[in-house]
Amino acid sequence: MNTQNYIALEEKYGANNYNPLNVVINKAQGV
C-alpha cells in the first residue's frame, strides 16, 4: 500500500469529527 491508499482508508473509515492532516507516519519511536 502507498500513502494515497492509507489516506483513502482514513477518509472512508476514520472519524469525521475533526480535520486531519494528510500525512502518514512511516516509523515512530517511543509511542
Protein backbone atom coordinates (compact mmCIF):
# COMPACT_ATOMS: atom_id res chain seq x y z
CA MET A 1 0.00 0.00 0.00
CA ASN A 2 1.11 3.54 -0.59
CA THR A 3 0.38 6.84 1.11
CA GLN A 4 -2.70 7.57 -1.02
CA ASN A 5 -4.19 4.18 -0.06
CA TYR A 6 -3.79 4.91 3.66
CA ILE A 7 -5.30 8.37 3.26
CA ALA A 8 -8.26 6.90 1.33
CA LEU A 9 -8.85 4.34 4.09
CA GLU A 10 -8.77 7.08 6.73
CA GLU A 11 -11.25 9.17 4.73
CA LYS A 12 -13.60 6.18 4.35
CA TYR A 13 -13.42 4.66 7.85
CA GLY A 14 -11.98 7.40 10.10
CA ALA A 15 -13.96 9.66 12.40
CA ASN A 16 -15.14 12.79 10.60
CA ASN A 17 -15.33 14.99 13.70
CA TYR A 18 -12.02 16.76 13.03
CA ASN A 19 -9.91 17.94 10.09
CA PRO A 20 -6.86 15.65 9.95
CA LEU A 21 -3.56 16.46 8.27
CA ASN A 22 -2.86 14.42 5.14
CA VAL A 23 0.22 12.69 6.50
CA VAL A 24 1.18 9.06 7.06
CA ILE A 25 3.75 8.19 9.73
CA ASN A 26 6.08 5.53 8.41
CA LYS A 27 8.11 4.93 11.57
CA ALA A 28 7.75 6.22 15.10
CA GLN A 29 9.77 5.75 18.25
CA GLY A 30 8.58 5.88 21.85
CA VAL A 31 4.88 5.85 21.04
